[in-house]
């Protein structure tokens, strides 16, 4: 079964998975559903929700102690963890908003969880950034297609 067969649930699952630590291109899934003639606003809402909720799983990993596991296996020094916590608290709003960036966004969200940055603020700014990105991708693409 492919994502297209699942319809909007497939889009939700794909965008959810792509905002965890899995390196999947969520924009490609979104554009695929636009190409399949799904309503742009519906795609925007489903993709934004899936991607935001997926980011919250990464936040949770940081919050509950993925860093303790990495520290135990020697991948992170305690001093570096404290440094990242401090910087994440200081720049948390920016990290949350720019969590839509490929690769870095997952690290940003993990750092927010590690720092135990305010969850409500994190959710709002993560959702805002991701929704703006998908708005540009969806409606920008639709405008470009109208021109050409």
N, C-alpha and C. Protein backbone atom coordinates (compact mmCIF):
# COMPACT_ATOMS: atom_id res chain seq x y z
N UNK A 1 0.85 -1.18 0.00
CA UNK A 1 0.00 0.00 0.00
C UNK A 1 0.90 1.24 0.00
N UNK A 2 0.62 2.17 -0.88
CA UNK A 2 1.41 3.40 -0.92
C UNK A 2 0.61 4.54 -0.30
N UNK A 3 1.32 5.63 -0.05
CA UNK A 3 0.68 6.76 0.63
C UNK A 3 -0.54 7.30 -0.11
N UNK A 4 -0.47 7.28 -1.41
CA UNK A 4 -1.59 7.78 -2.21
C UNK A 4 -2.86 6.98 -1.93
N UNK A 5 -2.71 5.68 -1.73
CA UNK A 5 -3.87 4.84 -1.44
C UNK A 5 -4.50 5.19 -0.09
N UNK A 6 -3.71 5.71 0.81
CA UNK A 6 -4.20 6.09 2.13
C UNK A 6 -4.84 7.48 2.14
N UNK A 7 -4.68 8.21 1.05
CA UNK A 7 -5.25 9.55 0.96
C UNK A 7 -4.61 10.51 1.96
N UNK A 8 -5.44 11.32 2.58
CA UNK A 8 -4.93 12.33 3.51
C UNK A 8 -4.26 11.71 4.73
N UNK A 9 -4.69 10.52 5.12
CA UNK A 9 -4.01 9.81 6.22
C UNK A 9 -2.56 9.52 5.81
N UNK A 10 -2.35 9.16 4.56
CA UNK A 10 -0.99 8.93 4.06
C UNK A 10 -0.15 10.18 4.11
N UNK A 11 -0.75 11.32 3.75
CA UNK A 11 -0.04 12.59 3.83
C UNK A 11 0.32 12.91 5.28
N UNK A 12 -0.65 12.71 6.18
CA UNK A 12 -0.41 12.95 7.59
C UNK A 12 0.76 12.08 8.09
N UNK A 13 0.73 10.80 7.78
CA UNK A 13 1.78 9.88 8.23
C UNK A 13 3.15 10.26 7.65
N UNK A 14 3.17 10.64 6.39
CA UNK A 14 4.43 11.02 5.75
C UNK A 14 5.01 12.29 6.36
N UNK A 15 4.17 13.29 6.58
CA UNK A 15 4.68 14.53 7.16
C UNK A 15 5.02 14.36 8.62
N UNK A 16 4.29 13.50 9.33
CA UNK A 16 4.62 13.19 10.72
C UNK A 16 6.01 12.55 10.77
N UNK A 17 6.20 11.52 9.97
CA UNK A 17 7.48 10.80 9.98
C UNK A 17 8.64 11.68 9.55
N UNK A 18 8.40 12.58 8.61
CA UNK A 18 9.50 13.41 8.11
C UNK A 18 9.95 14.46 9.11
N UNK A 19 9.15 14.72 10.14
CA UNK A 19 9.57 15.70 11.13
C UNK A 19 10.10 15.05 12.40
N UNK A 20 10.21 13.74 12.37
CA UNK A 20 10.93 13.06 13.44
C UNK A 20 12.38 13.02 13.00
N UNK A 21 13.16 12.14 13.54
CA UNK A 21 14.57 12.10 13.14
C UNK A 21 14.79 11.31 11.84
N UNK A 22 13.71 10.96 11.16
CA UNK A 22 13.81 10.29 9.86
C UNK A 22 14.01 11.35 8.76
N UNK A 23 14.98 11.16 7.90
CA UNK A 23 15.25 12.17 6.85
C UNK A 23 14.36 11.99 5.62
N UNK A 24 13.11 12.38 5.72
CA UNK A 24 12.19 12.29 4.60
C UNK A 24 11.82 13.69 4.11
N UNK A 25 11.69 13.86 2.80
CA UNK A 25 11.36 15.20 2.24
C UNK A 25 9.86 15.47 2.27
N UNK A 26 9.37 16.11 3.31
CA UNK A 26 7.93 16.33 3.43
C UNK A 26 7.37 17.19 2.30
N UNK A 27 8.17 18.10 1.79
CA UNK A 27 7.69 18.97 0.71
C UNK A 27 7.33 18.15 -0.53
N UNK A 28 8.09 17.09 -0.78
CA UNK A 28 7.81 16.24 -1.93
C UNK A 28 6.45 15.56 -1.77
N UNK A 29 6.14 15.11 -0.56
CA UNK A 29 4.83 14.50 -0.32
C UNK A 29 3.72 15.52 -0.50
N UNK A 30 3.93 16.71 0.03
CA UNK A 30 2.93 17.77 -0.09
C UNK A 30 2.68 18.10 -1.56
N UNK A 31 3.74 18.28 -2.31
CA UNK A 31 3.58 18.61 -3.73
C UNK A 31 2.95 17.45 -4.49
N UNK A 32 3.24 16.23 -4.06
CA UNK A 32 2.61 15.08 -4.68
C UNK A 32 1.10 15.10 -4.52
N UNK A 33 0.63 15.47 -3.34
CA UNK A 33 -0.81 15.54 -3.11
C UNK A 33 -1.44 16.72 -3.86
N UNK A 34 -0.70 17.79 -4.02
CA UNK A 34 -1.19 18.90 -4.83
C UNK A 34 -1.31 18.45 -6.29
N UNK A 35 -0.30 17.70 -6.77
CA UNK A 35 -0.33 17.18 -8.14
C UNK A 35 -1.51 16.22 -8.34
N UNK A 36 -1.91 15.54 -7.27
CA UNK A 36 -3.06 14.63 -7.34
C UNK A 36 -4.40 15.37 -7.23
N UNK A 37 -4.33 16.69 -7.23
CA UNK A 37 -5.50 17.57 -7.23
C UNK A 37 -6.26 17.61 -5.90
N UNK A 38 -5.54 17.37 -4.80
CA UNK A 38 -6.16 17.57 -3.49
C UNK A 38 -6.25 19.07 -3.24
N UNK A 39 -7.23 19.50 -2.50
CA UNK A 39 -7.42 20.91 -2.17
C UNK A 39 -6.20 21.43 -1.40
N UNK A 40 -5.65 22.55 -1.84
CA UNK A 40 -4.44 23.12 -1.23
C UNK A 40 -4.60 23.44 0.25
N UNK A 41 -5.74 23.97 0.63
CA UNK A 41 -5.97 24.32 2.03
C UNK A 41 -6.03 23.07 2.91
N UNK A 42 -6.66 22.03 2.41
CA UNK A 42 -6.74 20.78 3.17
C UNK A 42 -5.34 20.17 3.31
N UNK A 43 -4.60 20.17 2.22
CA UNK A 43 -3.21 19.66 2.27
C UNK A 43 -2.39 20.47 3.26
N UNK A 44 -2.56 21.78 3.24
CA UNK A 44 -1.84 22.64 4.18
C UNK A 44 -2.16 22.27 5.63
N UNK A 45 -3.42 22.10 5.94
CA UNK A 45 -3.82 21.79 7.31
C UNK A 45 -3.32 20.41 7.75
N UNK A 46 -3.48 19.42 6.90
CA UNK A 46 -3.06 18.05 7.25
C UNK A 46 -1.55 17.97 7.39
N UNK A 47 -0.83 18.55 6.44
CA UNK A 47 0.64 18.50 6.48
C UNK A 47 1.19 19.28 7.68
N UNK A 48 0.61 20.42 7.96
CA UNK A 48 1.08 21.22 9.09
C UNK A 48 0.84 20.50 10.41
N UNK A 49 -0.33 19.89 10.54
CA UNK A 49 -0.63 19.15 11.76
C UNK A 49 0.29 17.94 11.91
N UNK A 50 0.44 17.17 10.85
CA UNK A 50 1.31 15.99 10.91
C UNK A 50 2.74 16.35 11.22
N UNK A 51 3.25 17.38 10.57
CA UNK A 51 4.64 17.78 10.76
C UNK A 51 4.87 18.36 12.15
N UNK A 52 3.92 19.12 12.65
CA UNK A 52 4.04 19.69 13.99
C UNK A 52 4.01 18.58 15.04
N UNK A 53 3.07 17.66 14.93
CA UNK A 53 2.99 16.56 15.89
C UNK A 53 4.23 15.66 15.83
N UNK A 54 4.76 15.46 14.64
CA UNK A 54 5.99 14.70 14.52
C UNK A 54 7.15 15.37 15.23
N UNK A 55 7.21 16.69 15.13
CA UNK A 55 8.25 17.44 15.84
C UNK A 55 8.13 17.28 17.34
N UNK A 56 6.91 17.15 17.82
CA UNK A 56 6.72 16.99 19.26
C UNK A 56 7.28 15.66 19.76
N UNK A 57 7.34 14.65 18.89
CA UNK A 57 7.98 13.41 19.32
C UNK A 57 9.48 13.62 19.51
N UNK A 58 10.08 14.44 18.65
CA UNK A 58 11.49 14.75 18.78
C UNK A 58 11.73 15.59 20.04
N UNK A 59 10.84 16.55 20.29
CA UNK A 59 10.91 17.36 21.51
C UNK A 59 10.89 16.42 22.73
N UNK A 60 9.97 15.47 22.69
CA UNK A 60 9.81 14.53 23.80
C UNK A 60 11.08 13.70 24.00
N UNK A 61 11.72 13.28 22.92
CA UNK A 61 12.98 12.54 23.04
C UNK A 61 14.02 13.35 23.80
N UNK A 62 14.13 14.62 23.46
CA UNK A 62 15.06 15.50 24.18
C UNK A 62 14.65 15.69 25.62
N UNK A 63 13.35 15.83 25.83
CA UNK A 63 12.82 16.09 27.17
C UNK A 63 13.05 14.91 28.12
N UNK A 64 12.83 13.70 27.64
CA UNK A 64 12.92 12.54 28.52
C UNK A 64 14.33 11.97 28.63
N UNK A 65 15.24 12.49 27.87
CA UNK A 65 16.61 12.09 28.14
C UNK A 65 17.35 11.32 27.08
N UNK A 66 17.05 11.56 25.81
CA UNK A 66 17.87 10.96 24.77
C UNK A 66 19.33 11.32 25.00
N UNK A 67 19.56 12.50 25.55
CA UNK A 67 20.93 12.94 25.81
C UNK A 67 21.62 12.05 26.84
N UNK A 68 20.87 11.53 27.80
CA UNK A 68 21.46 10.62 28.79
C UNK A 68 21.97 9.35 28.11
N UNK A 69 21.21 8.89 27.13
CA UNK A 69 21.63 7.70 26.38
C UNK A 69 22.89 8.00 25.58
N UNK A 70 22.89 9.14 24.88
CA UNK A 70 24.06 9.53 24.09
C UNK A 70 25.28 9.75 24.97
N UNK A 71 25.06 10.36 26.12
CA UNK A 71 26.14 10.60 27.07
C UNK A 71 26.69 9.26 27.58
N UNK A 72 25.81 8.33 27.88
CA UNK A 72 26.22 7.03 28.39
C UNK A 72 27.10 6.29 27.38
N UNK A 73 26.73 6.36 26.12
CA UNK A 73 27.50 5.67 25.09
C UNK A 73 28.67 6.49 24.56
N UNK A 74 28.91 7.65 25.17
CA UNK A 74 30.09 8.43 24.83
C UNK A 74 29.97 9.34 23.62
N UNK A 75 28.75 9.57 23.14
CA UNK A 75 28.59 10.44 21.97
C UNK A 75 28.48 11.91 22.33
N UNK A 76 28.17 12.23 23.58
CA UNK A 76 28.06 13.62 24.03
C UNK A 76 28.71 13.76 25.40
N UNK A 77 29.44 14.84 25.55
CA UNK A 77 30.03 15.15 26.87
C UNK A 77 29.02 15.96 27.67
N UNK A 78 29.04 15.78 28.98
CA UNK A 78 28.11 16.49 29.85
C UNK A 78 28.25 18.01 29.70
N UNK A 79 29.48 18.48 29.53
CA UNK A 79 29.73 19.92 29.37
C UNK A 79 29.03 20.46 28.11
N UNK A 80 29.05 19.68 27.04
CA UNK A 80 28.39 20.10 25.80
C UNK A 80 26.87 20.11 25.98
N UNK A 81 26.35 19.16 26.72
CA UNK A 81 24.91 19.11 26.98
C UNK A 81 24.48 20.37 27.72
N UNK A 82 25.23 20.76 28.74
CA UNK A 82 24.91 21.98 29.49
C UNK A 82 24.97 23.21 28.60
N UNK A 83 25.96 23.25 27.71
CA UNK A 83 26.10 24.36 26.76
C UNK A 83 24.86 24.45 25.86
N UNK A 84 24.43 23.30 25.31
CA UNK A 84 23.27 23.28 24.43
C UNK A 84 21.99 23.66 25.17
N UNK A 85 21.88 23.23 26.42
CA UNK A 85 20.71 23.61 27.22
C UNK A 85 20.64 25.12 27.39
N UNK A 86 21.77 25.71 27.73
CA UNK A 86 21.82 27.16 27.93
C UNK A 86 21.45 27.91 26.65
N UNK A 87 22.06 27.53 25.55
CA UNK A 87 21.79 28.22 24.27
C UNK A 87 20.35 28.00 23.83
N UNK A 88 19.83 26.81 24.08
CA UNK A 88 18.46 26.51 23.68
C UNK A 88 17.46 27.32 24.47
N UNK A 89 17.74 27.54 25.73
CA UNK A 89 16.85 28.37 26.54
C UNK A 89 16.91 29.83 26.08
N UNK A 90 18.11 30.26 25.74
CA UNK A 90 18.31 31.65 25.32
C UNK A 90 17.65 31.92 23.96
N UNK A 91 17.80 31.01 23.02
CA UNK A 91 17.32 31.21 21.65
C UNK A 91 16.15 30.29 21.29
N UNK A 92 15.44 29.82 22.29
CA UNK A 92 14.37 28.85 22.07
C UNK A 92 13.32 29.27 21.07
N UNK A 93 12.90 30.51 21.11
CA UNK A 93 11.86 30.97 20.19
C UNK A 93 12.33 30.86 18.74
N UNK A 94 13.55 31.26 18.49
CA UNK A 94 14.09 31.15 17.12
C UNK A 94 14.25 29.70 16.69
N UNK A 95 14.73 28.87 17.61
CA UNK A 95 14.88 27.45 17.29
C UNK A 95 13.53 26.83 16.95
N UNK A 96 12.52 27.17 17.73
CA UNK A 96 11.19 26.61 17.48
C UNK A 96 10.65 27.07 16.12
N UNK A 97 10.75 28.35 15.84
CA UNK A 97 10.22 28.86 14.57
C UNK A 97 10.95 28.24 13.38
N UNK A 98 12.29 28.16 13.46
CA UNK A 98 13.07 27.65 12.33
C UNK A 98 13.20 26.13 12.34
N UNK A 99 12.35 25.46 13.08
CA UNK A 99 12.38 24.00 13.10
C UNK A 99 11.96 23.39 11.77
N UNK A 100 11.44 24.20 10.85
CA UNK A 100 11.07 23.70 9.53
C UNK A 100 12.28 23.46 8.63
N UNK A 101 13.44 23.95 9.03
CA UNK A 101 14.63 23.79 8.19
C UNK A 101 15.04 22.32 8.09
N UNK A 102 15.38 21.88 6.88
CA UNK A 102 15.82 20.49 6.73
C UNK A 102 17.03 20.20 7.62
N UNK A 103 17.09 19.02 8.16
CA UNK A 103 18.13 18.49 9.04
C UNK A 103 18.28 19.28 10.33
N UNK A 104 18.57 20.56 10.24
CA UNK A 104 18.80 21.38 11.44
C UNK A 104 17.54 21.48 12.30
N UNK A 105 16.37 21.50 11.68
CA UNK A 105 15.13 21.63 12.42
C UNK A 105 14.94 20.53 13.45
N UNK A 106 15.30 19.30 13.08
CA UNK A 106 15.19 18.19 14.04
C UNK A 106 16.13 18.40 15.23
N UNK A 107 17.31 18.89 14.95
CA UNK A 107 18.28 19.17 16.02
C UNK A 107 17.76 20.30 16.91
N UNK A 108 17.17 21.32 16.29
CA UNK A 108 16.62 22.44 17.05
C UNK A 108 15.54 21.95 18.02
N UNK A 109 14.65 21.11 17.52
CA UNK A 109 13.54 20.64 18.35
C UNK A 109 14.06 19.72 19.46
N UNK A 110 15.02 18.88 19.14
CA UNK A 110 15.63 18.03 20.16
C UNK A 110 16.24 18.89 21.26
N UNK A 111 16.91 19.97 20.86
CA UNK A 111 17.52 20.89 21.82
C UNK A 111 16.46 21.58 22.68
N UNK A 112 15.32 21.90 22.09
CA UNK A 112 14.23 22.51 22.87
C UNK A 112 13.75 21.56 23.95
N UNK A 113 13.61 20.30 23.60
CA UNK A 113 13.20 19.31 24.59
C UNK A 113 14.25 19.13 25.67
N UNK A 114 15.49 19.07 25.26
CA UNK A 114 16.60 18.94 26.21
C UNK A 114 16.59 20.10 27.21
N UNK A 115 16.36 21.30 26.71
CA UNK A 115 16.35 22.49 27.56
C UNK A 115 15.04 22.62 28.32
N UNK A 116 14.09 21.77 28.00
CA UNK A 116 12.75 21.84 28.60
C UNK A 116 12.13 23.22 28.39
N UNK A 117 12.34 23.70 27.16
CA UNK A 117 11.78 24.99 26.77
C UNK A 117 10.26 24.91 26.84
N UNK A 118 9.62 26.01 27.14
CA UNK A 118 8.18 26.06 27.33
C UNK A 118 7.45 25.34 26.20
N UNK A 119 6.65 24.33 26.56
CA UNK A 119 5.98 23.50 25.57
C UNK A 119 4.97 24.28 24.74
N UNK A 120 4.16 25.11 25.38
CA UNK A 120 3.14 25.87 24.65
C UNK A 120 3.78 26.81 23.63
N UNK A 121 4.83 27.49 24.05
CA UNK A 121 5.54 28.39 23.13
C UNK A 121 6.16 27.60 22.00
N UNK A 122 6.76 26.47 22.34
CA UNK A 122 7.38 25.62 21.32
C UNK A 122 6.36 25.16 20.29
N UNK A 123 5.23 24.65 20.76
CA UNK A 123 4.20 24.15 19.84
C UNK A 123 3.71 25.27 18.93
N UNK A 124 3.43 26.43 19.51
CA UNK A 124 2.93 27.55 18.70
C UNK A 124 3.93 27.95 17.62
N UNK A 125 5.19 28.13 18.00
CA UNK A 125 6.18 28.61 17.03
C UNK A 125 6.59 27.53 16.04
N UNK A 126 6.63 26.29 16.47
CA UNK A 126 6.89 25.19 15.53
C UNK A 126 5.77 25.13 14.49
N UNK A 127 4.52 25.17 14.95
CA UNK A 127 3.38 25.12 14.04
C UNK A 127 3.37 26.32 13.10
N UNK A 128 3.69 27.49 13.61
CA UNK A 128 3.72 28.69 12.78
C UNK A 128 4.76 28.57 11.67
N UNK A 129 5.96 28.18 12.04
CA UNK A 129 7.03 28.05 11.04
C UNK A 129 6.71 27.01 9.98
N UNK A 130 6.22 25.86 10.41
CA UNK A 130 5.91 24.79 9.47
C UNK A 130 4.73 25.16 8.57
N UNK A 131 3.74 25.81 9.14
CA UNK A 131 2.58 26.22 8.35
C UNK A 131 2.98 27.27 7.31
N UNK A 132 3.81 28.21 7.70
CA UNK A 132 4.28 29.22 6.72
C UNK A 132 5.08 28.57 5.60
N UNK A 133 5.92 27.60 5.96
CA UNK A 133 6.71 26.91 4.92
C UNK A 133 5.78 26.21 3.94
N UNK A 134 4.80 25.45 4.45
CA UNK A 134 3.89 24.73 3.55
C UNK A 134 3.01 25.69 2.76
N UNK A 135 2.66 26.82 3.35
CA UNK A 135 1.88 27.82 2.62
C UNK A 135 2.66 28.29 1.39
N UNK A 136 3.93 28.57 1.59
CA UNK A 136 4.78 29.02 0.47
C UNK A 136 4.94 27.91 -0.56
N UNK A 137 5.18 26.69 -0.09
CA UNK A 137 5.37 25.56 -1.00
C UNK A 137 4.10 25.31 -1.82
N UNK A 138 2.96 25.24 -1.15
CA UNK A 138 1.71 24.90 -1.84
C UNK A 138 1.23 26.02 -2.74
N UNK A 139 1.05 27.20 -2.17
CA UNK A 139 0.44 28.26 -2.95
C UNK A 139 1.44 28.93 -3.89
N UNK A 140 2.72 28.89 -3.53
CA UNK A 140 3.75 29.36 -4.45
C UNK A 140 3.83 28.48 -5.68
N UNK A 141 3.75 27.18 -5.48
CA UNK A 141 3.77 26.23 -6.60
C UNK A 141 2.54 26.41 -7.47
N UNK A 142 1.38 26.57 -6.83
CA UNK A 142 0.16 26.78 -7.61
C UNK A 142 0.25 28.04 -8.47
N UNK A 143 0.83 29.10 -7.91
CA UNK A 143 0.99 30.36 -8.68
C UNK A 143 1.97 30.16 -9.84
N UNK A 144 3.06 29.46 -9.57
CA UNK A 144 4.04 29.20 -10.64
C UNK A 144 3.42 28.37 -11.76
N UNK A 145 2.62 27.40 -11.42
CA UNK A 145 1.97 26.58 -12.42
C UNK A 145 0.98 27.38 -13.26
N UNK A 146 0.35 28.38 -12.65
CA UNK A 146 -0.57 29.24 -13.39
C UNK A 146 0.17 30.10 -14.40
N UNK A 147 1.39 30.52 -14.01
CA UNK A 147 2.19 31.37 -14.91
C UNK A 147 2.69 30.58 -16.10
N UNK A 148 3.12 29.37 -15.86
CA UNK A 148 3.69 28.54 -16.93
C UNK A 148 2.63 27.62 -17.43
